[in-house]
Protein backbone atom coordinates (compact mmCIF):
# COMPACT_ATOMS: atom_id res chain seq x y z
CA UNK A 1 51.10 125.56 102.53
CA UNK A 2 52.31 127.29 105.69
CA UNK A 3 55.30 125.98 107.58
CA UNK A 4 54.47 124.00 110.70
CA UNK A 5 54.82 125.92 113.91
CA UNK A 6 57.61 124.80 116.13
CA UNK A 7 58.26 125.17 119.78
CA UNK A 8 61.86 125.38 120.95
CA UNK A 9 62.61 123.24 123.97
CA UNK A 10 65.93 122.60 125.75
CA UNK A 11 66.11 119.19 124.03
CA UNK A 12 65.47 120.48 120.51
CA UNK A 13 62.41 121.33 118.49
CA UNK A 14 58.86 120.08 118.87
CA UNK A 15 56.64 119.93 115.79
CA UNK A 16 53.06 118.63 115.46
CA UNK A 17 54.13 115.07 114.69
CA UNK A 18 57.81 114.81 115.69
CA UNK A 19 60.34 115.88 118.27
CA UNK A 20 63.61 116.90 116.59
CA UNK A 21 66.68 116.93 118.82
CA UNK A 22 69.77 119.10 118.93
CA UNK A 23 72.60 118.63 116.43
CA UNK A 24 75.02 115.83 117.28
CA UNK A 25 78.47 114.98 115.96
CA UNK A 26 78.58 112.00 113.61
CA UNK A 27 81.49 110.50 115.55
CA UNK A 28 79.29 110.22 118.64
CA UNK A 29 76.70 108.05 116.86
CA UNK A 30 79.18 105.85 115.03
CA UNK A 31 78.54 102.21 115.88
CA UNK A 32 81.33 100.01 117.11
CA UNK A 33 82.47 97.32 114.68
CA UNK A 34 81.72 93.99 116.28
CA UNK A 35 83.86 91.04 115.21
CA UNK A 36 81.80 88.31 113.64
CA UNK A 37 82.06 84.83 115.02
CA UNK A 38 83.85 82.33 112.83
CA UNK A 39 81.57 79.76 111.22
CA UNK A 40 82.40 76.06 111.64
CA UNK A 41 83.37 75.89 107.96
CA UNK A 42 85.72 78.89 108.26
CA UNK A 43 87.25 77.39 111.40
CA UNK A 44 87.87 74.06 109.65
CA UNK A 45 89.49 75.79 106.65
CA UNK A 46 91.72 77.92 108.90
CA UNK A 47 92.80 74.93 110.99
CA UNK A 48 93.48 72.81 107.89
CA UNK A 49 95.56 75.58 106.31
CA UNK A 50 97.55 76.01 109.54
CA UNK A 51 98.23 72.25 109.67
CA UNK A 52 99.41 72.25 106.05
CA UNK A 53 101.69 75.22 106.73
CA UNK A 54 103.17 73.37 109.71
CA UNK A 55 103.79 70.34 107.49
CA UNK A 56 105.48 72.61 104.92
CA UNK A 57 107.70 74.07 107.67
CA UNK A 58 108.71 70.57 108.78
CA UNK A 59 109.44 69.54 105.18
CA UNK A 60 111.49 72.70 104.57
CA UNK A 61 113.78 71.90 107.52
CA UNK A 62 114.05 68.16 106.78
CA UNK A 63 116.66 66.67 104.45
CA UNK A 64 115.68 66.26 100.80
CA UNK A 65 115.73 62.48 101.22
CA UNK A 66 112.78 62.57 103.66
CA UNK A 67 109.12 63.42 103.10
CA UNK A 68 106.37 64.59 105.45
CA UNK A 69 103.18 62.52 105.09
CA UNK A 70 99.79 64.21 105.47
CA UNK A 71 97.09 61.60 106.11
CA UNK A 72 93.36 62.08 105.63
CA UNK A 73 91.16 61.99 108.70
CA UNK A 74 87.65 60.56 108.80
CA UNK A 75 85.22 62.72 106.85
CA UNK A 76 87.88 64.47 104.77
CA UNK A 77 88.07 64.25 101.00
CA UNK A 78 91.26 63.92 99.01
CA UNK A 79 90.20 66.52 96.44
CA UNK A 80 89.71 69.14 99.17
CA UNK A 81 93.07 68.37 100.77
CA UNK A 82 94.82 68.37 97.40
CA UNK A 83 93.38 71.80 96.51
CA UNK A 84 94.31 73.20 99.93
CA UNK A 85 97.90 71.93 99.58
CA UNK A 86 98.12 73.43 96.08
CA UNK A 87 96.79 76.79 97.36
CA UNK A 88 99.35 76.91 100.18
CA UNK A 89 102.18 75.78 97.87
CA UNK A 90 101.34 78.52 95.34
CA UNK A 91 101.10 81.18 98.04
CA UNK A 92 104.36 80.29 99.80
CA UNK A 93 106.52 79.71 96.69
CA UNK A 94 108.97 77.42 98.48
CA UNK A 95 111.26 74.93 96.80
CA UNK A 96 109.09 72.03 97.97
CA UNK A 97 107.56 69.18 96.00
CA UNK A 98 104.36 67.42 96.91
CA UNK A 99 102.49 64.44 95.56
CA UNK A 100 99.56 62.17 96.31
CA UNK A 101 100.06 58.45 96.83
CA UNK A 102 96.88 56.61 97.79
CA UNK A 103 95.19 58.42 100.67
CA UNK A 104 98.33 60.34 101.68
CA UNK A 105 99.91 63.59 100.50
CA UNK A 106 103.72 63.71 100.74
CA UNK A 107 105.69 66.97 100.99
CA UNK A 108 109.46 67.06 100.53
CA UNK A 109 112.38 69.11 99.27
CA UNK A 110 113.35 66.14 97.12
CA UNK A 111 111.50 64.75 94.11
CA UNK A 112 108.50 62.58 95.06
CA UNK A 113 108.97 59.17 93.34
CA UNK A 114 106.26 57.24 91.52
CA UNK A 115 104.35 60.09 89.95
CA UNK A 116 102.33 59.92 86.77
CA UNK A 117 103.13 61.68 83.53
CA UNK A 118 106.39 62.73 82.01
CA UNK A 119 109.47 63.80 83.90
CA UNK A 120 110.05 67.45 84.65
CA UNK A 121 113.74 67.36 83.67
CA UNK A 122 115.06 69.06 80.53
CA UNK A 123 117.15 66.03 79.54
CA UNK A 124 114.18 64.35 77.87
CA UNK A 125 114.32 64.80 74.06
CA UNK A 126 111.49 66.63 72.33
CA UNK A 127 108.84 64.65 70.49
CA UNK A 128 109.80 65.97 67.05
CA UNK A 129 113.00 66.89 65.31
CA UNK A 130 113.51 70.45 64.17
CA UNK A 131 112.93 71.03 60.48
CA UNK A 132 115.87 72.53 58.60
CA UNK A 133 114.46 74.65 55.74
CA UNK A 134 117.61 74.25 53.61
CA UNK A 135 118.01 70.49 54.03
CA UNK A 136 116.21 69.47 50.80
CA UNK A 137 118.08 71.83 48.44
CA UNK A 138 120.91 70.62 46.16
């Protein structure tokens, strides 16, 4: 099959079916990165995280005997708020305690009273006594 005949023009090459232009630098055709608009969900998450960080900052500067309450607003769920507080607490690694009492999350440098479960102190004895392997020998 013979090659198609081409005609050279100032703008490039002209073939039977196509017009092929001159060589261009790749940098000149690079598209500009356009920032995407934030979705309402992303905006709500960002604002909530900022509010929690502000509450953590207030709690970090307050005395250990005081706590910062974070109340739920209409339409918010406790599970979502609890997970967001846990995420921020894990990321910041501050010496702050937080706990949920009713529909409020409390953040403080001191221990939050009235929690469920066992105490976190080491003074509590273990559930079993250690077994001494030589105790039964005479």
